[in-house]
PDB file of N, CA and C in Angstrom:
ATOM      1  N   UNK A   1       0.843  -1.176   0.000  1.00  0.00           N
ATOM      2  CA  UNK A   1       0.000   0.000   0.000  1.00  0.00           C
ATOM      3  C   UNK A   1       0.893   1.246   0.000  1.00  0.00           C
ATOM      4  N   UNK A   2       0.661   2.177  -0.919  1.00  0.00           N
ATOM      5  CA  UNK A   2       1.523   3.357  -0.986  1.00  0.00           C
ATOM      6  C   UNK A   2       1.336   4.276   0.226  1.00  0.00           C
ATOM      7  N   UNK A   3       2.409   4.926   0.581  1.00  0.00           N
ATOM      8  CA  UNK A   3       2.382   5.856   1.696  1.00  0.00           C
ATOM      9  C   UNK A   3       1.707   7.152   1.235  1.00  0.00           C
ATOM     10  N   UNK A   4       0.556   7.500   1.828  1.00  0.00           N
ATOM     11  CA  UNK A   4      -0.214   8.668   1.390  1.00  0.00           C
ATOM     12  C   UNK A   4       0.535   9.970   1.656  1.00  0.00           C
ATOM     13  N   UNK A   5       1.217  10.060   2.794  1.00  0.00           N
ATOM     14  CA  UNK A   5       1.956  11.282   3.109  1.00  0.00           C
ATOM     15  C   UNK A   5       3.086  11.506   2.117  1.00  0.00           C
ATOM     16  N   UNK A   6       3.794  10.439   1.783  1.00  0.00           N
ATOM     17  CA  UNK A   6       4.896  10.558   0.833  1.00  0.00           C
ATOM     18  C   UNK A   6       4.374  10.946  -0.543  1.00  0.00           C
ATOM     19  N   UNK A   7       3.276  10.341  -0.961  1.00  0.00           N
ATOM     20  CA  UNK A   7       2.688  10.662  -2.266  1.00  0.00           C
ATOM     21  C   UNK A   7       2.236  12.116  -2.313  1.00  0.00           C
ATOM     22  N   UNK A   8       1.632  12.598  -1.225  1.00  0.00           N
ATOM     23  CA  UNK A   8       1.185  13.992  -1.180  1.00  0.00           C
ATOM     24  C   UNK A   8       2.378  14.934  -1.197  1.00  0.00           C
ATOM     25  N   UNK A   9       3.433  14.595  -0.473  1.00  0.00           N
ATOM     26  CA  UNK A   9       4.636  15.429  -0.462  1.00  0.00           C
ATOM     27  C   UNK A   9       5.269  15.483  -1.842  1.00  0.00           C
ATOM     28  N   UNK A  10       5.326  14.337  -2.525  1.00  0.00           N
ATOM     29  CA  UNK A  10       5.898  14.319  -3.867  1.00  0.00           C
ATOM     30  C   UNK A  10       5.062  15.153  -4.827  1.00  0.00           C
ATOM     31  N   UNK A  11       3.745  15.088  -4.682  1.00  0.00           N
ATOM     32  CA  UNK A  11       2.865  15.894  -5.530  1.00  0.00           C
ATOM     33  C   UNK A  11       3.062  17.374  -5.224  1.00  0.00           C
ATOM     34  N   UNK A  12       3.137  17.708  -3.939  1.00  0.00           N
ATOM     35  CA  UNK A  12       3.281  19.092  -3.505  1.00  0.00           C
ATOM     36  C   UNK A  12       4.598  19.691  -3.989  1.00  0.00           C
ATOM     37  N   UNK A  13       5.645  18.887  -4.060  1.00  0.00           N
ATOM     38  CA  UNK A  13       6.965  19.391  -4.413  1.00  0.00           C
ATOM     39  C   UNK A  13       7.345  19.124  -5.865  1.00  0.00           C
ATOM     40  N   UNK A  14       6.418  18.694  -6.683  1.00  0.00           N
ATOM     41  CA  UNK A  14       6.730  18.393  -8.078  1.00  0.00           C
ATOM     42  C   UNK A  14       7.004  19.676  -8.864  1.00  0.00           C
ATOM     43  N   UNK A  15       7.655  19.536 -10.013  1.00  0.00           N
ATOM     44  CA  UNK A  15       7.930  20.695 -10.868  1.00  0.00           C
ATOM     45  C   UNK A  15       6.640  21.379 -11.288  1.00  0.00           C
ATOM     46  N   UNK A  16       5.643  20.580 -11.634  1.00  0.00           N
ATOM     47  CA  UNK A  16       4.362  21.149 -12.064  1.00  0.00           C
ATOM     48  C   UNK A  16       3.727  21.977 -10.946  1.00  0.00           C
ATOM     49  N   UNK A  17       3.852  21.505  -9.713  1.00  0.00           N
ATOM     50  CA  UNK A  17       3.290  22.237  -8.581  1.00  0.00           C
ATOM     51  C   UNK A  17       3.977  23.586  -8.412  1.00  0.00           C
ATOM     52  N   UNK A  18       5.299  23.601  -8.540  1.00  0.00           N
ATOM     53  CA  UNK A  18       6.028  24.869  -8.424  1.00  0.00           C
ATOM     54  C   UNK A  18       5.627  25.831  -9.528  1.00  0.00           C
ATOM     55  N   UNK A  19       5.447  25.320 -10.743  1.00  0.00           N
ATOM     56  CA  UNK A  19       5.006  26.177 -11.845  1.00  0.00           C
ATOM     57  C   UNK A  19       3.599  26.706 -11.594  1.00  0.00           C
ATOM     58  N   UNK A  20       2.722  25.861 -11.053  1.00  0.00           N
ATOM     59  CA  UNK A  20       1.375  26.324 -10.706  1.00  0.00           C
ATOM     60  C   UNK A  20       1.430  27.359  -9.589  1.00  0.00           C
ATOM     61  N   UNK A  21       2.276  27.116  -8.613  1.00  0.00           N
ATOM     62  CA  UNK A  21       2.373  27.991  -7.452  1.00  0.00           C
ATOM     63  C   UNK A  21       2.887  29.375  -7.820  1.00  0.00           C
ATOM     64  N   UNK A  22       3.972  29.424  -8.584  1.00  0.00           N
ATOM     65  CA  UNK A  22       4.575  30.708  -8.927  1.00  0.00           C
ATOM     66  C   UNK A  22       4.085  31.264 -10.253  1.00  0.00           C
ATOM     67  N   UNK A  23       3.440  30.434 -11.065  1.00  0.00           N
ATOM     68  CA  UNK A  23       2.818  30.884 -12.307  1.00  0.00           C
ATOM     69  C   UNK A  23       3.721  31.728 -13.179  1.00  0.00           C
ATOM     70  N   UNK A  24       3.223  32.899 -13.546  1.00  0.00           N
ATOM     71  CA  UNK A  24       3.963  33.756 -14.469  1.00  0.00           C
ATOM     72  C   UNK A  24       5.237  34.326 -13.856  1.00  0.00           C
ATOM     73  N   UNK A  25       5.380  34.259 -12.552  1.00  0.00           N
ATOM     74  CA  UNK A  25       6.631  34.714 -11.941  1.00  0.00           C
ATOM     75  C   UNK A  25       7.811  33.902 -12.449  1.00  0.00           C
ATOM     76  N   UNK A  26       7.572  32.650 -12.814  1.00  0.00           N
ATOM     77  CA  UNK A  26       8.638  31.804 -13.345  1.00  0.00           C
ATOM     78  C   UNK A  26       8.652  31.845 -14.866  1.00  0.00           C
ATOM     79  N   UNK A  27       7.497  31.695 -15.471  1.00  0.00           N
ATOM     80  CA  UNK A  27       7.458  31.517 -16.924  1.00  0.00           C
ATOM     81  C   UNK A  27       7.620  32.802 -17.716  1.00  0.00           C
ATOM     82  N   UNK A  28       7.187  33.941 -17.169  1.00  0.00           N
ATOM     83  CA  UNK A  28       7.210  35.176 -17.947  1.00  0.00           C
ATOM     84  C   UNK A  28       8.126  36.257 -17.389  1.00  0.00           C
ATOM     85  N   UNK A  29       8.619  36.085 -16.195  1.00  0.00           N
ATOM     86  CA  UNK A  29       9.465  37.104 -15.573  1.00  0.00           C
ATOM     87  C   UNK A  29      10.789  36.467 -15.158  1.00  0.00           C
ATOM     88  N   UNK A  30      11.778  36.461 -16.070  1.00  0.00           N
ATOM     89  CA  UNK A  30      13.037  35.757 -15.792  1.00  0.00           C
ATOM     90  C   UNK A  30      13.755  36.243 -14.537  1.00  0.00           C
ATOM     91  N   UNK A  31      13.686  37.536 -14.223  1.00  0.00           N
ATOM     92  CA  UNK A  31      14.387  38.019 -13.033  1.00  0.00           C
ATOM     93  C   UNK A  31      13.796  37.418 -11.762  1.00  0.00           C
ATOM     94  N   UNK A  32      12.484  37.253 -11.717  1.00  0.00           N
ATOM     95  CA  UNK A  32      11.864  36.616 -10.550  1.00  0.00           C
ATOM     96  C   UNK A  32      12.187  35.130 -10.499  1.00  0.00           C
ATOM     97  N   UNK A  33      12.203  34.485 -11.651  1.00  0.00           N
ATOM     98  CA  UNK A  33      12.562  33.062 -11.694  1.00  0.00           C
ATOM     99  C   UNK A  33      13.979  32.868 -11.181  1.00  0.00           C
ATOM    100  N   UNK A  34      14.883  33.774 -11.558  1.00  0.00           N
ATOM    101  CA  UNK A  34      16.269  33.681 -11.088  1.00  0.00           C
ATOM    102  C   UNK A  34      16.341  33.879  -9.582  1.00  0.00           C
ATOM    103  N   UNK A  35      15.575  34.813  -9.046  1.00  0.00           N
ATOM    104  CA  UNK A  35      15.568  35.044  -7.594  1.00  0.00           C
ATOM    105  C   UNK A  35      15.055  33.813  -6.845  1.00  0.00           C
ATOM    106  N   UNK A  36      13.982  33.234  -7.353  1.00  0.00           N
ATOM    107  CA  UNK A  36      13.429  32.031  -6.723  1.00  0.00           C
ATOM    108  C   UNK A  36      14.448  30.904  -6.765  1.00  0.00           C
ATOM    109  N   UNK A  37      15.103  30.731  -7.918  1.00  0.00           N
ATOM    110  CA  UNK A  37      16.091  29.663  -8.069  1.00  0.00           C
ATOM    111  C   UNK A  37      17.267  29.870  -7.111  1.00  0.00           C
ATOM    112  N   UNK A  38      17.769  31.100  -7.003  1.00  0.00           N
ATOM    113  CA  UNK A  38      18.885  31.376  -6.096  1.00  0.00           C
ATOM    114  C   UNK A  38      18.483  31.151  -4.643  1.00  0.00           C
ATOM    115  N   UNK A  39      17.276  31.545  -4.289  1.00  0.00           N
ATOM    116  CA  UNK A  39      16.789  31.318  -2.929  1.00  0.00           C
ATOM    117  C   UNK A  39      16.742  29.832  -2.611  1.00  0.00           C
ATOM    118  N   UNK A  40      16.155  29.060  -3.503  1.00  0.00           N
ATOM    119  CA  UNK A  40      16.035  27.620  -3.271  1.00  0.00           C
ATOM    120  C   UNK A  40      17.398  26.936  -3.251  1.00  0.00           C
ATOM    121  N   UNK A  41      18.307  27.373  -4.120  1.00  0.00           N
ATOM    122  CA  UNK A  41      19.656  26.801  -4.138  1.00  0.00           C
ATOM    123  C   UNK A  41      20.371  27.089  -2.821  1.00  0.00           C
ATOM    124  N   UNK A  42      20.258  28.324  -2.341  1.00  0.00           N
ATOM    125  CA  UNK A  42      20.885  28.691  -1.069  1.00  0.00           C
ATOM    126  C   UNK A  42      20.310  27.882   0.085  1.00  0.00           C
ATOM    127  N   UNK A  43      18.992  27.749   0.110  1.00  0.00           N
ATOM    128  CA  UNK A  43      18.363  26.964   1.174  1.00  0.00           C
ATOM    129  C   UNK A  43      18.780  25.503   1.108  1.00  0.00           C
ATOM    130  N   UNK A  44      18.856  24.955  -0.097  1.00  0.00           N
ATOM    131  CA  UNK A  44      19.268  23.553  -0.240  1.00  0.00           C
ATOM    132  C   UNK A  44      20.677  23.342   0.305  1.00  0.00           C
ATOM    133  N   UNK A  45      21.580  24.269   0.026  1.00  0.00           N
ATOM    134  CA  UNK A  45      22.950  24.148   0.527  1.00  0.00           C
ATOM    135  C   UNK A  45      22.986  24.250   2.043  1.00  0.00           C
ATOM    136  N   UNK A  46      22.171  25.141   2.622  1.00  0.00           N
ATOM    137  CA  UNK A  46      22.144  25.269   4.076  1.00  0.00           C
ATOM    138  C   UNK A  46      21.538  24.032   4.727  1.00  0.00           C
ATOM    139  N   UNK A  47      20.502  23.473   4.123  1.00  0.00           N
ATOM    140  CA  UNK A  47      19.849  22.289   4.681  1.00  0.00           C
ATOM    141  C   UNK A  47      20.804  21.107   4.705  1.00  0.00           C
ATOM    142  N   UNK A  48      21.665  21.018   3.699  1.00  0.00           N
ATOM    143  CA  UNK A  48      22.629  19.922   3.635  1.00  0.00           C
ATOM    144  C   UNK A  48      23.814  20.137   4.573  1.00  0.00           C
ATOM    145  N   UNK A  49      23.935  21.319   5.133  1.00  0.00           N
ATOM    146  CA  UNK A  49      25.069  21.646   5.986  1.00  0.00           C
ATOM    147  C   UNK A  49      24.912  21.128   7.405  1.00  0.00           C
ATOM    148  N   UNK A  50      25.673  21.747   8.302  1.00  0.00           N
ATOM    149  CA  UNK A  50      25.643  21.321   9.702  1.00  0.00           C
ATOM    150  C   UNK A  50      24.390  21.856  10.403  1.00  0.00           C
ATOM    151  N   UNK A  51      24.285  21.591  11.682  1.00  0.00           N
ATOM    152  CA  UNK A  51      23.076  21.965  12.424  1.00  0.00           C
ATOM    153  C   UNK A  51      22.834  23.471  12.402  1.00  0.00           C
ATOM    154  N   UNK A  52      23.878  24.263  12.563  1.00  0.00           N
ATOM    155  CA  UNK A  52      23.716  25.714  12.552  1.00  0.00           C
ATOM    156  C   UNK A  52      23.192  26.201  11.203  1.00  0.00           C
ATOM    157  N   UNK A  53      23.684  25.605  10.122  1.00  0.00           N
ATOM    158  CA  UNK A  53      23.217  25.998   8.794  1.00  0.00           C
ATOM    159  C   UNK A  53      21.762  25.585   8.585  1.00  0.00           C
ATOM    160  N   UNK A  54      21.377  24.426   9.123  1.00  0.00           N
ATOM    161  CA  UNK A  54      19.975  24.003   9.015  1.00  0.00           C
ATOM    162  C   UNK A  54      19.071  24.943   9.800  1.00  0.00           C
ATOM    163  N   UNK A  55      19.511  25.362  10.971  1.00  0.00           N
ATOM    164  CA  UNK A  55      18.733  26.316  11.767  1.00  0.00           C
ATOM    165  C   UNK A  55      18.616  27.651  11.035  1.00  0.00           C
ATOM    166  N   UNK A  56      19.694  28.092  10.388  1.00  0.00           N
ATOM    167  CA  UNK A  56      19.648  29.333   9.609  1.00  0.00           C
ATOM    168  C   UNK A  56      18.656  29.203   8.460  1.00  0.00           C
ATOM    169  N   UNK A  57      18.639  28.045   7.820  1.00  0.00           N
ATOM    170  CA  UNK A  57      17.689  27.810   6.729  1.00  0.00           C
ATOM    171  C   UNK A  57      16.259  27.839   7.258  1.00  0.00           C
ATOM    172  N   UNK A  58      16.034  27.215   8.404  1.00  0.00           N
ATOM    173  CA  UNK A  58      14.695  27.208   8.997  1.00  0.00           C
ATOM    174  C   UNK A  58      14.238  28.624   9.325  1.00  0.00           C
ATOM    175  N   UNK A  59      15.131  29.421   9.908  1.00  0.00           N
ATOM    176  CA  UNK A  59      14.788  30.806  10.233  1.00  0.00           C
ATOM    177  C   UNK A  59      14.516  31.617   8.969  1.00  0.00           C
ATOM    178  N   UNK A  60      15.311  31.391   7.928  1.00  0.00           N
ATOM    179  CA  UNK A  60      15.115  32.115   6.668  1.00  0.00           C
ATOM    180  C   UNK A  60      13.752  31.800   6.067  1.00  0.00           C
ATOM    181  N   UNK A  61      13.380  30.536   6.084  1.00  0.00           N
ATOM    182  CA  UNK A  61      12.076  30.143   5.548  1.00  0.00           C
ATOM    183  C   UNK A  61      10.962  30.751   6.389  1.00  0.00           C
ATOM    184  N   UNK A  62      11.081  30.677   7.704  1.00  0.00           N
ATOM    185  CA  UNK A  62      10.049  31.229   8.582  1.00  0.00           C
ATOM    186  C   UNK A  62       9.926  32.736   8.399  1.00  0.00           C
ATOM    187  N   UNK A  63      11.047  33.442   8.275  1.00  0.00           N
ATOM    188  CA  UNK A  63      11.007  34.886   8.048  1.00  0.00           C
ATOM    189  C   UNK A  63      10.324  35.217   6.726  1.00  0.00           C
ATOM    190  N   UNK A  64      10.595  34.428   5.700  1.00  0.00           N
ATOM    191  CA  UNK A  64       9.959  34.623   4.397  1.00  0.00           C
ATOM    192  C   UNK A  64       8.450  34.436   4.511  1.00  0.00           C
ATOM    193  N   UNK A  65       8.041  33.388   5.201  1.00  0.00           N
ATOM    194  CA  UNK A  65       6.610  33.126   5.379  1.00  0.00           C
ATOM    195  C   UNK A  65       5.955  34.286   6.116  1.00  0.00           C
ATOM    196  N   UNK A  66       6.563  34.739   7.192  1.00  0.00           N
ATOM    197  CA  UNK A  66       5.991  35.831   7.975  1.00  0.00           C
ATOM    198  C   UNK A  66       5.935  37.130   7.180  1.00  0.00           C
ATOM    199  N   UNK A  67       6.932  37.374   6.327  1.00  0.00           N
ATOM    200  CA  UNK A  67       6.934  38.582   5.500  1.00  0.00           C
ATOM    201  C   UNK A  67       5.829  38.543   4.451  1.00  0.00           C
ATOM    202  N   UNK A  68       5.472  37.350   3.997  1.00  0.00           N
ATOM    203  CA  UNK A  68       4.454  37.204   2.944  1.00  0.00           C
ATOM    204  C   UNK A  68       3.027  37.195   3.478  1.00  0.00           C
ATOM    205  N   UNK A  69       2.844  36.935   4.751  1.00  0.00           N
ATOM    206  CA  UNK A  69       1.497  36.791   5.312  1.00  0.00           C
ATOM    207  C   UNK A  69       0.594  37.996   5.026  1.00  0.00           C
ATOM    208  N   UNK A  70       1.053  39.244   5.200  1.00  0.00           N
ATOM    209  CA  UNK A  70       0.138  40.371   4.935  1.00  0.00           C
ATOM    210  C   UNK A  70      -0.339  40.457   3.486  1.00  0.00           C
ATOM    211  N   UNK A  71       0.376  39.839   2.583  1.00  0.00           N
ATOM    212  CA  UNK A  71       0.040  39.926   1.162  1.00  0.00           C
ATOM    213  C   UNK A  71      -0.631  38.658   0.646  1.00  0.00           C
ATOM    214  N   UNK A  72      -0.997  37.766   1.544  1.00  0.00           N
ATOM    215  CA  UNK A  72      -1.561  36.471   1.172  1.00  0.00           C
ATOM    216  C   UNK A  72      -3.047  36.438   1.505  1.00  0.00           C
ATOM    217  N   UNK A  73      -3.830  35.840   0.619  1.00  0.00           N
ATOM    218  CA  UNK A  73      -5.272  35.713   0.850  1.00  0.00           C
ATOM    219  C   UNK A  73      -5.527  34.786   2.038  1.00  0.00           C
ATOM    220  N   UNK A  74      -6.583  35.082   2.778  1.00  0.00           N
ATOM    221  CA  UNK A  74      -6.915  34.311   3.982  1.00  0.00           C
ATOM    222  C   UNK A  74      -7.155  32.840   3.665  1.00  0.00           C
ATOM    223  N   UNK A  75      -7.750  32.542   2.518  1.00  0.00           N
ATOM    224  CA  UNK A  75      -8.024  31.149   2.148  1.00  0.00           C
ATOM    225  C   UNK A  75      -6.726  30.366   2.000  1.00  0.00           C
ATOM    226  N   UNK A  76      -5.721  30.976   1.397  1.00  0.00           N
ATOM    227  CA  UNK A  76      -4.426  30.316   1.220  1.00  0.00           C
ATOM    228  C   UNK A  76      -3.792  30.056   2.581  1.00  0.00           C
ATOM    229  N   UNK A  77      -3.885  31.018   3.481  1.00  0.00           N
ATOM    230  CA  UNK A  77      -3.331  30.831   4.825  1.00  0.00           C
ATOM    231  C   UNK A  77      -4.035  29.689   5.547  1.00  0.00           C
ATOM    232  N   UNK A  78      -5.349  29.608   5.414  1.00  0.00           N
ATOM    233  CA  UNK A  78      -6.104  28.539   6.075  1.00  0.00           C
ATOM    234  C   UNK A  78      -5.723  27.175   5.515  1.00  0.00           C
ATOM    235  N   UNK A  79      -5.527  27.090   4.206  1.00  0.00           N
ATOM    236  CA  UNK A  79      -5.150  25.817   3.597  1.00  0.00           C
ATOM    237  C   UNK A  79      -3.750  25.393   4.015  1.00  0.00           C
ATOM    238  N   UNK A  80      -2.842  26.343   4.141  1.00  0.00           N
ATOM    239  CA  UNK A  80      -1.468  25.990   4.501  1.00  0.00           C
ATOM    240  C   UNK A  80      -1.339  25.646   5.976  1.00  0.00           C
ATOM    241  N   UNK A  81      -2.321  25.999   6.773  1.00  0.00           N
ATOM    242  CA  UNK A  81      -2.271  25.708   8.208  1.00  0.00           C
ATOM    243  C   UNK A  81      -2.355  24.215   8.489  1.00  0.00           C
ATOM    244  N   UNK A  82      -2.826  23.427   7.530  1.00  0.00           N
ATOM    245  CA  UNK A  82      -2.916  21.988   7.759  1.00  0.00           C
ATOM    246  C   UNK A  82      -1.571  21.307   7.583  1.00  0.00           C
ATOM    247  N   UNK A  83      -0.590  22.010   7.039  1.00  0.00           N
ATOM    248  CA  UNK A  83       0.743  21.440   6.885  1.00  0.00           C
ATOM    249  C   UNK A  83       1.426  21.510   8.245  1.00  0.00           C
ATOM    250  N   UNK A  84       1.762  20.371   8.839  1.00  0.00           N
ATOM    251  CA  UNK A  84       2.348  20.389  10.178  1.00  0.00           C
ATOM    252  C   UNK A  84       3.718  21.050  10.185  1.00  0.00           C
ATOM    253  N   UNK A  85       3.989  21.788  11.230  1.00  0.00           N
ATOM    254  CA  UNK A  85       5.266  22.466  11.382  1.00  0.00           C
ATOM    255  C   UNK A  85       5.988  21.857  12.567  1.00  0.00           C
ATOM    256  N   UNK A  86       7.220  21.423  12.345  1.00  0.00           N
ATOM    257  CA  UNK A  86       8.007  20.839  13.425  1.00  0.00           C
ATOM    258  C   UNK A  86       8.522  21.949  14.326  1.00  0.00           C
ATOM    259  N   UNK A  87       8.450  21.716  15.601  1.00  0.00           N
ATOM    260  CA  UNK A  87       8.999  22.653  16.567  1.00  0.00           C
ATOM    261  C   UNK A  87      10.462  22.309  16.807  1.00  0.00           C
ATOM    262  N   UNK A  88      11.335  23.315  16.910  1.00  0.00           N
ATOM    263  CA  UNK A  88      12.768  23.023  17.138  1.00  0.00           C
ATOM    264  C   UNK A  88      13.034  22.434  18.499  1.00  0.00           C
TER     265      UNK A  88
END
């Protein structure tokens, strides 16, 4: 029996999902696509690093989320609340 959580995570993190999520920011605005790519590359390198680098990556992601909240629709915030967040 397939693992439902793993399947959902793979769907959530697929290339198609990222294109749907960022839409024209990736496909029509190369400067934004480059910024997103550099951000993700930097986070990936920090996540693969030592504990301090992983903590820095976690803080960077959390700061990004908090900065985006005022500009995000309430429905999107409610839907993302079901994604469990690990406490440090």
